């Protein structure tokens, strides 16, 4: 799993799997899901990230597993 924050393009991308992306769908304005050949979500992109959260929250990444 990979998480990338692109400050220049004001976007966040979470890659869940390395499968080839076959299709992408914008499910909400600025929220794009990438799908593999089996229609599983393998990537999530969030555009205009700075309008969705505060800069303080972007500085801290908390990773949790259960």
PDB file of N, CA and C in Angstrom:
ATOM      1  N   UNK A   1       0.842  -1.160   0.000  1.00  0.00           N
ATOM      2  CA  UNK A   1       0.000   0.000   0.000  1.00  0.00           C
ATOM      3  C   UNK A   1       0.895   1.233   0.000  1.00  0.00           C
ATOM      4  N   UNK A   2       0.542   2.234  -0.822  1.00  0.00           N
ATOM      5  CA  UNK A   2       1.332   3.458  -0.925  1.00  0.00           C
ATOM      6  C   UNK A   2       0.412   4.663  -0.770  1.00  0.00           C
ATOM      7  N   UNK A   3       0.902   5.650  -0.049  1.00  0.00           N
ATOM      8  CA  UNK A   3       0.184   6.905   0.128  1.00  0.00           C
ATOM      9  C   UNK A   3       1.084   8.031  -0.356  1.00  0.00           C
ATOM     10  N   UNK A   4       0.561   8.861  -1.241  1.00  0.00           N
ATOM     11  CA  UNK A   4       1.352   9.973  -1.772  1.00  0.00           C
ATOM     12  C   UNK A   4       0.533  11.252  -1.677  1.00  0.00           C
ATOM     13  N   UNK A   5       1.149  12.293  -1.113  1.00  0.00           N
ATOM     14  CA  UNK A   5       0.544  13.610  -1.109  1.00  0.00           C
ATOM     15  C   UNK A   5       1.356  14.466  -2.064  1.00  0.00           C
ATOM     16  N   UNK A   6       0.685  14.971  -3.082  1.00  0.00           N
ATOM     17  CA  UNK A   6       1.315  15.788  -4.107  1.00  0.00           C
ATOM     18  C   UNK A   6       0.943  17.247  -3.837  1.00  0.00           C
ATOM     19  N   UNK A   7       1.856  17.985  -3.204  1.00  0.00           N
ATOM     20  CA  UNK A   7       1.578  19.373  -2.832  1.00  0.00           C
ATOM     21  C   UNK A   7       1.396  20.250  -4.066  1.00  0.00           C
ATOM     22  N   UNK A   8       2.174  20.006  -5.098  1.00  0.00           N
ATOM     23  CA  UNK A   8       2.096  20.823  -6.312  1.00  0.00           C
ATOM     24  C   UNK A   8       0.714  20.731  -6.967  1.00  0.00           C
ATOM     25  N   UNK A   9       0.154  19.522  -6.995  1.00  0.00           N
ATOM     26  CA  UNK A   9      -1.159  19.320  -7.613  1.00  0.00           C
ATOM     27  C   UNK A   9      -2.298  19.285  -6.597  1.00  0.00           C
ATOM     28  N   UNK A  10      -1.955  19.494  -5.314  1.00  0.00           N
ATOM     29  CA  UNK A  10      -2.949  19.548  -4.245  1.00  0.00           C
ATOM     30  C   UNK A  10      -3.827  18.290  -4.238  1.00  0.00           C
ATOM     31  N   UNK A  11      -3.162  17.138  -4.203  1.00  0.00           N
ATOM     32  CA  UNK A  11      -3.879  15.870  -4.296  1.00  0.00           C
ATOM     33  C   UNK A  11      -3.273  14.822  -3.364  1.00  0.00           C
ATOM     34  N   UNK A  12      -4.106  13.869  -3.006  1.00  0.00           N
ATOM     35  CA  UNK A  12      -3.673  12.708  -2.225  1.00  0.00           C
ATOM     36  C   UNK A  12      -4.010  11.473  -3.046  1.00  0.00           C
ATOM     37  N   UNK A  13      -3.085  10.522  -3.100  1.00  0.00           N
ATOM     38  CA  UNK A  13      -3.348   9.277  -3.811  1.00  0.00           C
ATOM     39  C   UNK A  13      -2.983   8.105  -2.913  1.00  0.00           C
ATOM     40  N   UNK A  14      -3.926   7.212  -2.735  1.00  0.00           N
ATOM     41  CA  UNK A  14      -3.726   5.989  -1.963  1.00  0.00           C
ATOM     42  C   UNK A  14      -3.824   4.812  -2.927  1.00  0.00           C
ATOM     43  N   UNK A  15      -2.714   4.108  -3.072  1.00  0.00           N
ATOM     44  CA  UNK A  15      -2.678   2.937  -3.954  1.00  0.00           C
ATOM     45  C   UNK A  15      -2.765   1.697  -3.077  1.00  0.00           C
ATOM     46  N   UNK A  16      -3.828   0.942  -3.233  1.00  0.00           N
ATOM     47  CA  UNK A  16      -4.078  -0.232  -2.399  1.00  0.00           C
ATOM     48  C   UNK A  16      -3.416  -1.484  -2.934  1.00  0.00           C
ATOM     49  N   UNK A  17      -3.226  -1.543  -4.250  1.00  0.00           N
ATOM     50  CA  UNK A  17      -2.764  -2.754  -4.903  1.00  0.00           C
ATOM     51  C   UNK A  17      -2.010  -2.362  -6.162  1.00  0.00           C
ATOM     52  N   UNK A  18      -1.084  -3.175  -6.610  1.00  0.00           N
ATOM     53  CA  UNK A  18      -0.301  -2.872  -7.804  1.00  0.00           C
ATOM     54  C   UNK A  18      -0.914  -3.434  -9.089  1.00  0.00           C
ATOM     55  N   UNK A  19      -2.140  -3.934  -9.014  1.00  0.00           N
ATOM     56  CA  UNK A  19      -2.827  -4.425 -10.218  1.00  0.00           C
ATOM     57  C   UNK A  19      -2.975  -3.285 -11.219  1.00  0.00           C
ATOM     58  N   UNK A  20      -3.064  -3.629 -12.501  1.00  0.00           N
ATOM     59  CA  UNK A  20      -3.257  -2.619 -13.539  1.00  0.00           C
ATOM     60  C   UNK A  20      -4.607  -1.938 -13.365  1.00  0.00           C
ATOM     61  N   UNK A  21      -4.614  -0.648 -13.587  1.00  0.00           N
ATOM     62  CA  UNK A  21      -5.861   0.114 -13.526  1.00  0.00           C
ATOM     63  C   UNK A  21      -6.549   0.001 -14.881  1.00  0.00           C
ATOM     64  N   UNK A  22      -7.780  -0.479 -14.853  1.00  0.00           N
ATOM     65  CA  UNK A  22      -8.555  -0.672 -16.078  1.00  0.00           C
ATOM     66  C   UNK A  22      -9.536   0.472 -16.288  1.00  0.00           C
ATOM     67  N   UNK A  23     -10.077   0.981 -15.194  1.00  0.00           N
ATOM     68  CA  UNK A  23     -11.094   2.023 -15.290  1.00  0.00           C
ATOM     69  C   UNK A  23     -11.003   2.931 -14.074  1.00  0.00           C
ATOM     70  N   UNK A  24     -11.354   4.190 -14.255  1.00  0.00           N
ATOM     71  CA  UNK A  24     -11.426   5.149 -13.160  1.00  0.00           C
ATOM     72  C   UNK A  24     -12.798   5.796 -13.184  1.00  0.00           C
ATOM     73  N   UNK A  25     -13.305   6.112 -12.004  1.00  0.00           N
ATOM     74  CA  UNK A  25     -14.622   6.729 -11.909  1.00  0.00           C
ATOM     75  C   UNK A  25     -14.603   7.812 -10.837  1.00  0.00           C
ATOM     76  N   UNK A  26     -15.091   8.993 -11.198  1.00  0.00           N
ATOM     77  CA  UNK A  26     -15.217  10.073 -10.232  1.00  0.00           C
ATOM     78  C   UNK A  26     -16.543   9.867  -9.501  1.00  0.00           C
ATOM     79  N   UNK A  27     -16.467   9.459  -8.240  1.00  0.00           N
ATOM     80  CA  UNK A  27     -17.662   9.093  -7.478  1.00  0.00           C
ATOM     81  C   UNK A  27     -18.270  10.280  -6.738  1.00  0.00           C
ATOM     82  N   UNK A  28     -17.477  11.300  -6.510  1.00  0.00           N
ATOM     83  CA  UNK A  28     -17.892  12.579  -5.937  1.00  0.00           C
ATOM     84  C   UNK A  28     -16.990  13.604  -6.612  1.00  0.00           C
ATOM     85  N   UNK A  29     -17.373  14.876  -6.631  1.00  0.00           N
ATOM     86  CA  UNK A  29     -16.470  15.847  -7.227  1.00  0.00           C
ATOM     87  C   UNK A  29     -15.083  15.804  -6.569  1.00  0.00           C
ATOM     88  N   UNK A  30     -14.063  15.504  -7.367  1.00  0.00           N
ATOM     89  CA  UNK A  30     -12.693  15.459  -6.871  1.00  0.00           C
ATOM     90  C   UNK A  30     -12.302  14.194  -6.145  1.00  0.00           C
ATOM     91  N   UNK A  31     -13.139  13.168  -6.162  1.00  0.00           N
ATOM     92  CA  UNK A  31     -12.815  11.872  -5.539  1.00  0.00           C
ATOM     93  C   UNK A  31     -12.922  10.805  -6.629  1.00  0.00           C
ATOM     94  N   UNK A  32     -11.776  10.215  -6.957  1.00  0.00           N
ATOM     95  CA  UNK A  32     -11.694   9.284  -8.077  1.00  0.00           C
ATOM     96  C   UNK A  32     -11.248   7.919  -7.585  1.00  0.00           C
ATOM     97  N   UNK A  33     -11.981   6.893  -7.982  1.00  0.00           N
ATOM     98  CA  UNK A  33     -11.622   5.509  -7.653  1.00  0.00           C
ATOM     99  C   UNK A  33     -11.048   4.847  -8.897  1.00  0.00           C
ATOM    100  N   UNK A  34      -9.964   4.097  -8.722  1.00  0.00           N
ATOM    101  CA  UNK A  34      -9.363   3.314  -9.802  1.00  0.00           C
ATOM    102  C   UNK A  34      -9.702   1.845  -9.576  1.00  0.00           C
ATOM    103  N   UNK A  35     -10.099   1.168 -10.660  1.00  0.00           N
ATOM    104  CA  UNK A  35     -10.522  -0.228 -10.584  1.00  0.00           C
ATOM    105  C   UNK A  35      -9.621  -1.129 -11.414  1.00  0.00           C
ATOM    106  N   UNK A  36      -9.447  -2.374 -10.954  1.00  0.00           N
ATOM    107  CA  UNK A  36      -8.692  -3.365 -11.722  1.00  0.00           C
ATOM    108  C   UNK A  36      -9.645  -4.159 -12.608  1.00  0.00           C
ATOM    109  N   UNK A  37      -9.142  -5.196 -13.270  1.00  0.00           N
ATOM    110  CA  UNK A  37      -9.944  -5.994 -14.212  1.00  0.00           C
ATOM    111  C   UNK A  37     -11.092  -6.729 -13.537  1.00  0.00           C
ATOM    112  N   UNK A  38     -10.986  -6.963 -12.227  1.00  0.00           N
ATOM    113  CA  UNK A  38     -12.048  -7.642 -11.484  1.00  0.00           C
ATOM    114  C   UNK A  38     -12.989  -6.659 -10.796  1.00  0.00           C
ATOM    115  N   UNK A  39     -12.892  -5.377 -11.182  1.00  0.00           N
ATOM    116  CA  UNK A  39     -13.737  -4.312 -10.646  1.00  0.00           C
ATOM    117  C   UNK A  39     -13.502  -4.042  -9.166  1.00  0.00           C
ATOM    118  N   UNK A  40     -12.296  -4.372  -8.697  1.00  0.00           N
ATOM    119  CA  UNK A  40     -11.921  -4.057  -7.314  1.00  0.00           C
ATOM    120  C   UNK A  40     -11.233  -2.703  -7.278  1.00  0.00           C
ATOM    121  N   UNK A  41     -11.468  -1.941  -6.225  1.00  0.00           N
ATOM    122  CA  UNK A  41     -10.804  -0.646  -6.063  1.00  0.00           C
ATOM    123  C   UNK A  41      -9.339  -0.884  -5.732  1.00  0.00           C
ATOM    124  N   UNK A  42      -8.458  -0.307  -6.540  1.00  0.00           N
ATOM    125  CA  UNK A  42      -7.018  -0.440  -6.305  1.00  0.00           C
ATOM    126  C   UNK A  42      -6.350   0.911  -6.034  1.00  0.00           C
ATOM    127  N   UNK A  43      -7.107   2.004  -6.206  1.00  0.00           N
ATOM    128  CA  UNK A  43      -6.546   3.323  -5.948  1.00  0.00           C
ATOM    129  C   UNK A  43      -7.641   4.327  -5.642  1.00  0.00           C
ATOM    130  N   UNK A  44      -7.302   5.297  -4.819  1.00  0.00           N
ATOM    131  CA  UNK A  44      -8.224   6.365  -4.446  1.00  0.00           C
ATOM    132  C   UNK A  44      -7.465   7.681  -4.568  1.00  0.00           C
ATOM    133  N   UNK A  45      -8.006   8.604  -5.352  1.00  0.00           N
ATOM    134  CA  UNK A  45      -7.397   9.919  -5.503  1.00  0.00           C
ATOM    135  C   UNK A  45      -8.359  10.984  -4.991  1.00  0.00           C
ATOM    136  N   UNK A  46      -7.833  11.910  -4.206  1.00  0.00           N
ATOM    137  CA  UNK A  46      -8.623  13.025  -3.688  1.00  0.00           C
ATOM    138  C   UNK A  46      -7.955  14.307  -4.155  1.00  0.00           C
ATOM    139  N   UNK A  47      -8.686  15.080  -4.953  1.00  0.00           N
ATOM    140  CA  UNK A  47      -8.181  16.330  -5.493  1.00  0.00           C
ATOM    141  C   UNK A  47      -8.586  17.497  -4.597  1.00  0.00           C
ATOM    142  N   UNK A  48      -7.927  18.630  -4.777  1.00  0.00           N
ATOM    143  CA  UNK A  48      -8.197  19.842  -3.975  1.00  0.00           C
ATOM    144  C   UNK A  48      -8.112  19.518  -2.489  1.00  0.00           C
ATOM    145  N   UNK A  49      -7.075  18.819  -2.125  1.00  0.00           N
ATOM    146  CA  UNK A  49      -6.902  18.343  -0.758  1.00  0.00           C
ATOM    147  C   UNK A  49      -6.906  19.476   0.263  1.00  0.00           C
ATOM    148  N   UNK A  50      -6.299  20.602  -0.085  1.00  0.00           N
ATOM    149  CA  UNK A  50      -6.194  21.712   0.868  1.00  0.00           C
ATOM    150  C   UNK A  50      -7.546  22.326   1.216  1.00  0.00           C
ATOM    151  N   UNK A  51      -8.563  22.091   0.392  1.00  0.00           N
ATOM    152  CA  UNK A  51      -9.896  22.606   0.707  1.00  0.00           C
ATOM    153  C   UNK A  51     -10.699  21.622   1.542  1.00  0.00           C
ATOM    154  N   UNK A  52     -10.184  20.427   1.731  1.00  0.00           N
ATOM    155  CA  UNK A  52     -10.906  19.376   2.444  1.00  0.00           C
ATOM    156  C   UNK A  52     -10.427  19.171   3.876  1.00  0.00           C
ATOM    157  N   UNK A  53      -9.259  19.731   4.201  1.00  0.00           N
ATOM    158  CA  UNK A  53      -8.696  19.575   5.538  1.00  0.00           C
ATOM    159  C   UNK A  53      -7.774  20.758   5.827  1.00  0.00           C
ATOM    160  N   UNK A  54      -7.293  20.834   7.032  1.00  0.00           N
ATOM    161  CA  UNK A  54      -6.406  21.934   7.405  1.00  0.00           C
ATOM    162  C   UNK A  54      -4.947  21.536   7.176  1.00  0.00           C
ATOM    163  N   UNK A  55      -4.064  22.512   6.986  1.00  0.00           N
ATOM    164  CA  UNK A  55      -2.641  22.195   6.814  1.00  0.00           C
ATOM    165  C   UNK A  55      -2.068  21.440   8.011  1.00  0.00           C
ATOM    166  N   UNK A  56      -2.552  21.739   9.205  1.00  0.00           N
ATOM    167  CA  UNK A  56      -2.069  21.051  10.406  1.00  0.00           C
ATOM    168  C   UNK A  56      -2.363  19.553  10.337  1.00  0.00           C
ATOM    169  N   UNK A  57      -3.538  19.203   9.849  1.00  0.00           N
ATOM    170  CA  UNK A  57      -3.905  17.790   9.758  1.00  0.00           C
ATOM    171  C   UNK A  57      -3.120  17.063   8.678  1.00  0.00           C
ATOM    172  N   UNK A  58      -2.674  17.800   7.662  1.00  0.00           N
ATOM    173  CA  UNK A  58      -1.879  17.183   6.602  1.00  0.00           C
ATOM    174  C   UNK A  58      -0.457  16.869   7.052  1.00  0.00           C
ATOM    175  N   UNK A  59       0.009  17.521   8.103  1.00  0.00           N
ATOM    176  CA  UNK A  59       1.370  17.293   8.588  1.00  0.00           C
ATOM    177  C   UNK A  59       1.498  16.007   9.396  1.00  0.00           C
ATOM    178  N   UNK A  60       0.383  15.477   9.884  1.00  0.00           N
ATOM    179  CA  UNK A  60       0.405  14.303  10.737  1.00  0.00           C
ATOM    180  C   UNK A  60      -0.345  13.169  10.063  1.00  0.00           C
ATOM    181  N   UNK A  61       0.307  12.044   9.927  1.00  0.00           N
ATOM    182  CA  UNK A  61      -0.319  10.854   9.387  1.00  0.00           C
ATOM    183  C   UNK A  61      -0.356   9.794  10.473  1.00  0.00           C
ATOM    184  N   UNK A  62      -1.549   9.344  10.783  1.00  0.00           N
ATOM    185  CA  UNK A  62      -1.690   8.321  11.817  1.00  0.00           C
ATOM    186  C   UNK A  62      -2.116   7.020  11.134  1.00  0.00           C
ATOM    187  N   UNK A  63      -1.340   5.990  11.381  1.00  0.00           N
ATOM    188  CA  UNK A  63      -1.614   4.682  10.775  1.00  0.00           C
ATOM    189  C   UNK A  63      -2.087   3.740  11.868  1.00  0.00           C
ATOM    190  N   UNK A  64      -3.262   3.140  11.654  1.00  0.00           N
ATOM    191  CA  UNK A  64      -3.807   2.220  12.652  1.00  0.00           C
ATOM    192  C   UNK A  64      -4.145   0.891  12.016  1.00  0.00           C
ATOM    193  N   UNK A  65      -3.891  -0.177  12.737  1.00  0.00           N
ATOM    194  CA  UNK A  65      -4.349  -1.499  12.325  1.00  0.00           C
ATOM    195  C   UNK A  65      -5.077  -2.119  13.492  1.00  0.00           C
ATOM    196  N   UNK A  66      -5.998  -2.987  13.178  1.00  0.00           N
ATOM    197  CA  UNK A  66      -6.769  -3.625  14.250  1.00  0.00           C
ATOM    198  C   UNK A  66      -6.475  -5.106  14.299  1.00  0.00           C
TER     199      UNK A  66
END
